[in-house]
Amino acid sequence: MKLSSRVEALAESATLAVTAKAAQLKSEGVDVVSFGAGEPDFDTPQHIKLAAIRAIEAGQTKYSKPATGIAAVKQAVCEKLARENELQYKPSQVIVTAGGKMACNLAIQALIDPGDEVIIPVPYWVSYPEMVKLAGGVPVFLEGDENDSFKFSPAALEAAITPKTRLLIFNSPSNPGGFTYHPAETQAIAEVTARHDMVVLADEIYDRLRFDGQAFQSFASSSSKAYEQTLTLIGASKTYSMTGWRAGYVAGPVPIIKAMAKLQSQSTSGACTFVQHGLIEALTGDQSEVERMRVEFEKRGAHIHQRLNALPGISCNKPTGAFYVFPNVSGTYSKLSVAGSIEFAKAVLEKAHVAVVPGIAFGSDACVRFSFACSMEQIDKGLDRLAEFLR
């Protein structure tokens, strides 16, 4: 049976593949400690679940009307962005989607023609390049500086921009890097993009998960020009532990939002209606659970950073946001007789029963990604095994 060339060229999500492999081993009776999935181990806060249940009981089970999101949820998004991100949007500038991944894909499909270049900083979330290629675009990889927590400089960005550049994907706090750009750094990058006819897709889905007082600025709030050329993408998955709910949203220029809406009307028909009622409660209700989860992630991040740096052949930057670390493990390759991050991850999984995601999936073969969206007990259990394996 012949498949399309576009799907044949598409890489499987490495994070989901690792999660699936770990689940398979667990089903076979193997005790695997998984650092694979970017999914909080906390339950969705009860008041959010109850809001969705009430919506179901009230008959909110039909198509989203309009497909871009019901009026109340778009208003809640606008209020959130004004309150927390210093961004003023109207509901007409907002689209609610079936998850942040769908939001990202719709934006890329709406903006990219075959041959258009999309600048993707390295390390990157695994789906960015594949989405760009699905749209016929050309990923242009911009290497971050490992000595500066993998951040890229304004000068490096300027050098990467060509007449074919259409889009920059800017992710802060970062998956997989766990780093966050300071406001001054964000503003310096915005000064570069302001000089060019391009759009910035600011993936800020981890905007609430920052550590040690890390300052943060939404890209679109950097200047009036940045506001005009930026799509701000957030969602409920990480902040509110709602990964399975599939609730994302984007705010930005009306023409782009309308283009994304056309695509959505011909694909998902919009986000699940009663999920949108849950999202309203998430954005407008009690936020204490968000802070409780953030504090716990902060503790876990500091702990896993300390423990990884104590292991031979491994160096790790301290996370300032999200719930990932991206240690350089290449110092172990010779001792383990492995050629790169895929072989490292395979050896660790098969021999130590610890699941990590190979860094090559994020553009860096010297590293692997650990998600610390798991309990402190699991972190120590996995790192004890890794320490024994590397001894």
Protein backbone atom coordinates (compact mmCIF):
# COMPACT_ATOMS: atom_id res chain seq x y z
CA MET A 1 0.00 0.00 0.00
CA LYS A 2 1.48 3.33 -1.06
CA LEU A 3 1.67 6.07 1.55
CA SER A 4 2.11 9.78 0.91
CA SER A 5 5.65 11.06 0.59
CA ARG A 6 4.97 13.65 3.30
CA VAL A 7 4.12 11.02 5.91
CA GLU A 8 6.96 8.77 4.80
CA ALA A 9 9.37 11.64 5.44
CA LEU A 10 7.86 12.42 8.84
CA ALA A 11 9.81 11.36 11.91
CA GLU A 12 8.00 9.78 14.83
CA SER A 13 7.87 11.86 18.00
CA ALA A 14 10.91 10.70 19.97
CA THR A 15 9.37 11.62 23.30
CA LEU A 16 6.24 9.58 22.65
CA ALA A 17 8.36 6.72 21.28
CA VAL A 18 10.42 6.57 24.47
CA THR A 19 7.27 6.68 26.58
CA ALA A 20 5.77 3.85 24.53
CA LYS A 21 8.93 1.72 24.85
CA ALA A 22 9.05 2.27 28.60
CA ALA A 23 5.35 1.36 28.87
CA GLN A 24 5.97 -1.82 26.86
CA LEU A 25 8.78 -2.90 29.18
CA LYS A 26 6.61 -2.14 32.21
CA SER A 27 3.84 -4.31 30.74
CA GLU A 28 6.38 -7.12 30.49
CA GLY A 29 7.12 -6.80 34.19
CA VAL A 30 10.27 -4.67 33.97
CA ASP A 31 10.54 -1.94 36.59
CA VAL A 32 11.38 1.10 34.43
CA VAL A 33 11.99 4.59 35.74
CA SER A 34 10.89 6.93 32.99
CA PHE A 35 12.15 10.49 32.52
CA GLY A 36 10.59 10.58 29.06
CA ALA A 37 7.22 12.28 28.94
CA GLY A 38 6.70 16.00 29.45
CA GLU A 39 3.59 15.35 31.50
CA PRO A 40 3.09 16.52 35.09
CA ASP A 41 2.50 13.71 37.56
CA PHE A 42 -0.08 15.84 39.39
CA ASP A 43 -3.80 15.42 38.87
CA THR A 44 -5.78 18.20 37.21
CA PRO A 45 -7.03 20.51 40.01
CA GLN A 46 -10.45 19.45 41.24
CA HIS A 47 -12.22 22.75 40.57
CA ILE A 48 -11.26 22.52 36.89
CA LYS A 49 -12.57 18.98 36.59
CA LEU A 50 -15.82 19.97 38.26
CA ALA A 51 -16.30 22.88 35.86
CA ALA A 52 -16.06 20.50 32.89
CA ILE A 53 -18.43 18.04 34.55
CA ARG A 54 -20.97 20.80 35.16
CA ALA A 55 -20.65 21.79 31.50
CA ILE A 56 -21.38 18.24 30.38
CA GLU A 57 -24.36 17.99 32.69
CA ALA A 58 -25.63 21.31 31.32
CA GLY A 59 -25.53 19.93 27.78
CA GLN A 60 -22.36 21.69 26.60
CA THR A 61 -21.52 18.73 24.37
CA LYS A 62 -22.10 20.11 20.88
CA TYR A 63 -19.74 21.72 18.39
CA SER A 64 -17.80 24.75 19.55
CA LYS A 65 -19.63 27.87 18.37
CA PRO A 66 -17.70 29.53 16.92
CA ALA A 67 -15.02 27.03 15.97
CA THR A 68 -12.36 29.49 17.18
CA GLY A 69 -13.62 29.11 20.75
CA ILE A 70 -16.69 30.07 22.71
CA ALA A 71 -16.95 33.74 23.69
CA ALA A 72 -16.36 33.19 27.41
CA VAL A 73 -13.11 31.27 26.96
CA LYS A 74 -11.68 33.81 24.53
CA GLN A 75 -12.50 36.54 27.02
CA ALA A 76 -10.78 34.52 29.76
CA VAL A 77 -7.69 34.16 27.55
CA CYS A 78 -7.62 37.93 26.95
CA GLU A 79 -7.87 38.59 30.67
CA LYS A 80 -5.09 36.10 31.44
CA LEU A 81 -2.76 37.64 28.87
CA ALA A 82 -3.44 41.15 30.17
CA ARG A 83 -3.01 40.11 33.81
CA GLU A 84 0.05 37.90 33.54
CA ASN A 85 1.78 38.74 30.24
CA GLU A 86 1.16 42.48 29.87
CA LEU A 87 -0.54 41.87 26.53
CA GLN A 88 -3.77 43.51 25.42
CA TYR A 89 -5.78 41.41 22.98
CA LYS A 90 -9.39 41.38 21.83
CA PRO A 91 -11.34 38.12 21.50
CA SER A 92 -11.15 38.51 17.71
CA GLN A 93 -7.37 38.06 18.05
CA VAL A 94 -7.67 34.71 19.84
CA ILE A 95 -8.17 31.13 18.69
CA VAL A 96 -8.66 28.19 21.05
CA THR A 97 -7.35 24.86 19.76
CA ALA A 98 -7.27 21.16 20.58
CA GLY A 99 -3.97 21.47 22.43
CA GLY A 100 -0.81 23.52 22.04
CA LYS A 101 0.54 21.14 19.42
CA MET A 102 -2.46 21.78 17.18
CA ALA A 103 -2.04 25.53 17.76
CA CYS A 104 1.57 25.32 16.61
CA ASN A 105 0.69 23.25 13.56
CA LEU A 106 -2.15 25.57 12.52
CA ALA A 107 0.14 28.59 12.79
CA ILE A 108 2.82 27.00 10.64
CA GLN A 109 0.32 25.78 8.06
CA ALA A 110 -1.23 29.25 7.89
CA LEU A 111 2.10 31.01 7.35
CA ILE A 112 4.48 28.73 5.45
CA ASP A 113 4.62 28.08 1.72
CA PRO A 114 7.00 25.59 0.07
CA GLY A 115 10.52 26.95 0.21
CA ASP A 116 9.90 29.39 3.06
CA GLU A 117 12.56 29.25 5.76
CA VAL A 118 11.74 28.84 9.43
CA ILE A 119 14.46 29.56 11.98
CA ILE A 120 14.42 26.97 14.76
CA PRO A 121 16.86 27.44 17.65
CA VAL A 122 18.73 24.33 18.82
CA PRO A 123 17.84 22.54 21.03
CA TYR A 124 14.24 22.50 19.87
CA TRP A 125 11.00 20.72 20.69
CA VAL A 126 10.89 17.61 18.53
CA SER A 127 7.76 18.56 16.58
CA TYR A 128 8.86 21.97 15.26
CA PRO A 129 10.99 20.75 12.31
CA GLU A 130 8.48 18.07 11.32
CA MET A 131 5.61 20.55 11.27
CA VAL A 132 7.66 22.91 9.13
CA LYS A 133 8.51 20.14 6.68
CA LEU A 134 4.85 19.08 6.50
CA ALA A 135 4.06 22.62 5.34
CA GLY A 136 6.78 22.42 2.69
CA GLY A 137 9.00 24.80 4.62
CA VAL A 138 12.74 24.60 5.21
CA PRO A 139 13.94 24.35 8.82
CA VAL A 140 17.00 26.54 9.45
CA PHE A 141 18.67 25.46 12.67
CA LEU A 142 20.21 28.13 14.88
CA GLU A 143 22.69 26.66 17.35
CA GLY A 144 22.41 27.83 20.94
CA ASP A 145 25.45 28.29 23.16
CA GLU A 146 25.73 25.44 25.68
CA ASN A 147 27.90 27.68 27.88
CA ASP A 148 24.96 30.09 28.07
CA SER A 149 22.32 27.43 28.80
CA PHE A 150 21.86 26.85 25.04
CA LYS A 151 20.53 30.36 24.37
CA PHE A 152 21.23 32.00 21.00
CA SER A 153 22.49 35.53 20.54
CA PRO A 154 20.87 38.37 18.57
CA ALA A 155 23.94 38.43 16.31
CA ALA A 156 23.56 34.75 15.50
CA LEU A 157 19.90 35.30 14.69
CA GLU A 158 20.71 38.20 12.39
CA ALA A 159 23.22 36.04 10.53
CA ALA A 160 20.62 33.28 10.05
CA ILE A 161 17.97 35.53 8.48
CA THR A 162 17.72 35.51 4.68
CA PRO A 163 15.21 36.90 2.17
CA LYS A 164 13.42 33.55 2.44
CA THR A 165 12.97 33.75 6.21
CA ARG A 166 9.29 33.77 7.12
CA LEU A 167 9.17 32.65 10.73
CA LEU A 168 11.20 32.40 13.94
CA ILE A 169 10.05 29.90 16.56
CA PHE A 170 10.95 31.28 19.99
CA ASN A 171 10.39 28.96 22.95
CA SER A 172 10.91 30.30 26.47
CA PRO A 173 10.89 28.67 28.99
CA SER A 174 12.42 25.94 26.87
CA ASN A 175 11.59 22.37 26.10
CA PRO A 176 14.05 20.56 26.17
CA GLY A 177 16.61 23.00 27.54
CA GLY A 178 14.89 24.08 30.74
CA PHE A 179 16.27 27.61 30.24
CA THR A 180 14.45 30.94 30.14
CA TYR A 181 15.40 34.13 28.34
CA HIS A 182 15.66 37.21 30.59
CA PRO A 183 13.54 40.20 29.54
CA ALA A 184 16.62 42.08 28.28
CA GLU A 185 17.58 39.08 26.14
CA THR A 186 14.07 38.80 24.74
CA GLN A 187 14.01 42.50 23.92
CA ALA A 188 17.39 42.28 22.14
CA ILE A 189 16.10 39.43 19.97
CA ALA A 190 12.90 41.39 19.26
CA GLU A 191 15.02 44.29 18.02
CA VAL A 192 16.47 41.97 15.38
CA THR A 193 13.14 40.58 14.20
CA ALA A 194 11.70 44.11 14.05
CA ARG A 195 14.12 44.90 11.22
CA HIS A 196 12.75 42.11 9.04
CA ASP A 197 9.50 41.11 7.37
CA MET A 198 8.88 37.98 9.41
CA VAL A 199 6.62 36.49 12.05
CA VAL A 200 7.60 35.18 15.47
CA LEU A 201 5.81 32.16 16.91
CA ALA A 202 6.39 32.62 20.64
CA ASP A 203 5.77 29.27 22.32
CA GLU A 204 5.22 30.28 25.94
CA ILE A 205 3.37 27.22 27.13
CA TYR A 206 5.60 27.02 30.23
CA ASP A 207 5.23 30.72 31.08
CA ARG A 208 4.02 30.07 34.64
CA LEU A 209 6.65 27.42 35.44
CA ARG A 210 9.74 29.47 36.33
CA PHE A 211 12.20 28.99 39.17
CA ASP A 212 14.37 30.99 41.57
CA GLY A 213 12.63 34.27 40.79
CA GLN A 214 13.48 34.02 37.10
CA ALA A 215 12.19 37.13 35.33
CA PHE A 216 10.19 36.63 32.16
CA GLN A 217 8.74 38.74 29.39
CA SER A 218 6.35 37.65 26.68
CA PHE A 219 7.94 38.25 23.29
CA ALA A 220 4.97 40.22 21.99
CA SER A 221 5.23 42.69 24.87
CA SER A 222 8.79 43.70 23.91
CA SER A 223 7.65 46.54 21.64
CA SER A 224 4.76 47.67 19.46
CA LYS A 225 6.52 46.10 16.47
CA ALA A 226 6.96 42.81 18.32
CA TYR A 227 3.26 42.85 19.16
CA GLU A 228 2.38 43.29 15.48
CA GLN A 229 4.55 40.41 14.27
CA THR A 230 4.11 37.85 17.07
CA LEU A 231 1.79 34.91 17.67
CA THR A 232 1.69 34.10 21.39
CA LEU A 233 1.02 30.40 21.98
CA ILE A 234 0.14 29.03 25.39
CA GLY A 235 -2.10 26.25 26.72
CA ALA A 236 -3.38 24.47 29.80
CA SER A 237 -1.39 21.23 29.56
CA LYS A 238 1.68 22.12 31.60
CA THR A 239 0.55 24.87 33.96
CA TYR A 240 -2.65 23.14 35.05
CA SER A 241 -1.65 19.50 34.48
CA MET A 242 -4.25 19.14 31.72
CA THR A 243 -2.23 17.29 29.07
CA GLY A 244 -5.04 14.93 28.12
CA TRP A 245 -7.64 17.68 27.89
CA ARG A 246 -6.09 19.15 24.73
CA ALA A 247 -6.62 22.85 25.40
CA GLY A 248 -4.35 25.38 23.72
CA TYR A 249 -4.70 28.93 22.49
CA VAL A 250 -2.99 31.52 20.33
CA ALA A 251 -3.29 35.30 20.30
CA GLY A 252 -1.98 37.51 17.53
CA PRO A 253 -2.69 39.54 14.39
CA VAL A 254 -6.25 39.12 13.16
CA PRO A 255 -5.33 38.05 9.57
CA ILE A 256 -3.24 35.15 10.87
CA ILE A 257 -5.83 34.14 13.45
CA LYS A 258 -8.49 34.12 10.70
CA ALA A 259 -6.27 31.95 8.51
CA MET A 260 -5.76 29.51 11.37
CA ALA A 261 -9.52 29.52 11.95
CA LYS A 262 -10.14 28.46 8.35
CA LEU A 263 -7.77 25.55 8.78
CA GLN A 264 -9.36 24.59 12.08
CA SER A 265 -12.85 24.68 10.56
CA GLN A 266 -11.71 22.10 8.01
CA SER A 267 -9.87 19.88 10.49
CA THR A 268 -10.94 19.55 14.14
CA SER A 269 -13.97 21.92 14.05
CA GLY A 270 -12.55 23.45 17.22
CA ALA A 271 -11.59 22.42 20.72
CA CYS A 272 -13.93 20.19 22.72
CA THR A 273 -16.70 22.39 24.09
CA PHE A 274 -16.82 21.17 27.68
CA VAL A 275 -13.02 21.24 27.80
CA GLN A 276 -13.27 24.94 26.99
CA HIS A 277 -15.40 25.37 30.10
CA GLY A 278 -12.64 23.64 32.06
CA LEU A 279 -10.14 26.05 30.51
CA ILE A 280 -12.26 29.02 31.61
CA GLU A 281 -12.13 27.76 35.19
CA ALA A 282 -8.39 27.11 34.91
CA LEU A 283 -7.69 30.66 33.77
CA THR A 284 -10.13 32.48 36.05
CA GLY A 285 -10.38 30.26 39.13
CA ASP A 286 -8.16 29.51 42.12
CA GLN A 287 -4.48 29.52 41.15
CA SER A 288 -3.04 28.07 44.36
CA GLU A 289 -2.53 24.61 42.84
CA VAL A 290 -0.43 26.15 40.06
CA GLU A 291 1.94 27.62 42.63
CA ARG A 292 2.05 24.37 44.60
CA MET A 293 3.08 22.46 41.47
CA ARG A 294 5.57 25.16 40.45
CA VAL A 295 7.30 25.04 43.84
CA GLU A 296 7.58 21.26 43.64
CA PHE A 297 9.03 21.42 40.13
CA GLU A 298 11.53 23.99 41.37
CA LYS A 299 12.70 21.63 44.12
CA ARG A 300 12.94 18.70 41.71
CA GLY A 301 14.85 20.75 39.16
CA ALA A 302 17.48 21.83 41.67
CA HIS A 303 17.81 18.27 42.94
CA ILE A 304 18.17 16.53 39.59
CA HIS A 305 20.62 19.21 38.44
CA GLN A 306 22.83 18.61 41.48
CA ARG A 307 22.72 14.85 41.15
CA LEU A 308 23.44 14.77 37.41
CA ASN A 309 26.47 17.01 37.78
CA ALA A 310 27.87 14.59 40.37
CA LEU A 311 27.92 11.76 37.81
CA PRO A 312 31.12 11.04 35.84
CA GLY A 313 31.11 12.29 32.25
CA ILE A 314 27.93 14.37 32.65
CA SER A 315 27.49 18.14 32.82
CA CYS A 316 24.16 19.88 33.25
CA ASN A 317 22.90 23.46 33.22
CA LYS A 318 20.54 24.38 36.05
CA PRO A 319 16.91 24.66 34.86
CA THR A 320 15.20 28.02 35.24
CA GLY A 321 11.82 26.97 33.85
CA ALA A 322 9.62 24.17 32.44
CA PHE A 323 10.40 20.73 33.91
CA TYR A 324 13.37 19.48 31.91
CA VAL A 325 17.13 19.26 32.10
CA PHE A 326 19.26 18.66 29.04
CA PRO A 327 22.60 17.33 30.28
CA ASN A 328 25.61 16.77 28.06
CA VAL A 329 26.38 13.06 28.42
CA SER A 330 28.99 12.78 25.66
CA GLY A 331 31.71 12.35 28.27
CA THR A 332 30.36 8.85 28.89
CA TYR A 333 30.27 7.71 25.27
CA SER A 334 33.79 6.33 25.11
CA LYS A 335 33.48 4.42 28.38
CA LEU A 336 30.13 2.97 27.36
CA SER A 337 31.26 2.31 23.77
CA VAL A 338 28.27 4.18 22.35
CA ALA A 339 28.31 6.41 19.29
CA GLY A 340 25.72 9.00 20.29
CA SER A 341 22.60 9.86 22.24
CA ILE A 342 20.43 7.15 20.67
CA GLU A 343 22.83 4.39 21.65
CA PHE A 344 23.29 5.97 25.09
CA ALA A 345 19.53 6.05 25.70
CA LYS A 346 19.17 2.48 24.41
CA ALA A 347 21.91 1.21 26.72
CA VAL A 348 20.53 3.04 29.74
CA LEU A 349 17.02 1.72 29.08
CA GLU A 350 18.02 -1.89 28.44
CA LYS A 351 20.70 -2.23 31.13
CA ALA A 352 19.69 0.23 33.86
CA HIS A 353 15.95 0.35 33.08
CA VAL A 354 15.97 4.14 32.97
CA ALA A 355 14.19 5.90 30.10
CA VAL A 356 15.53 9.20 28.74
CA VAL A 357 15.02 10.87 25.35
CA PRO A 358 17.99 11.00 22.95
CA GLY A 359 19.20 14.56 22.39
CA ILE A 360 19.52 14.08 18.65
CA ALA A 361 15.71 14.31 18.50
CA PHE A 362 16.12 17.88 19.78
CA GLY A 363 19.08 18.67 17.53
CA SER A 364 21.94 17.89 19.92
CA ASP A 365 23.52 14.44 19.84
CA ALA A 366 25.76 15.18 22.83
CA CYS A 367 22.79 15.46 25.18
CA VAL A 368 19.73 13.63 26.44
CA ARG A 369 16.55 15.04 27.94
CA PHE A 370 15.32 14.22 31.42
CA SER A 371 11.81 15.27 32.38
CA PHE A 372 11.48 15.82 36.12
CA ALA A 373 7.68 15.79 35.95
CA CYS A 374 7.82 12.78 38.26
CA SER A 375 8.18 12.30 42.00
CA MET A 376 11.37 12.99 43.92
CA GLU A 377 11.43 9.31 44.83
CA GLN A 378 11.40 8.34 41.15
CA ILE A 379 14.13 10.87 40.40
CA ASP A 380 16.41 9.40 43.05
CA LYS A 381 15.57 5.84 42.07
CA GLY A 382 16.43 6.52 38.43
CA LEU A 383 19.60 8.44 39.17
CA ASP A 384 20.78 5.77 41.63
CA ARG A 385 20.48 3.29 38.78
CA LEU A 386 22.25 5.60 36.38
CA ALA A 387 25.06 6.18 38.87
CA GLU A 388 25.52 2.42 39.30
CA PHE A 389 25.46 1.94 35.51
CA LEU A 390 28.16 4.57 34.98
CA ARG A 391 30.36 3.35 37.82
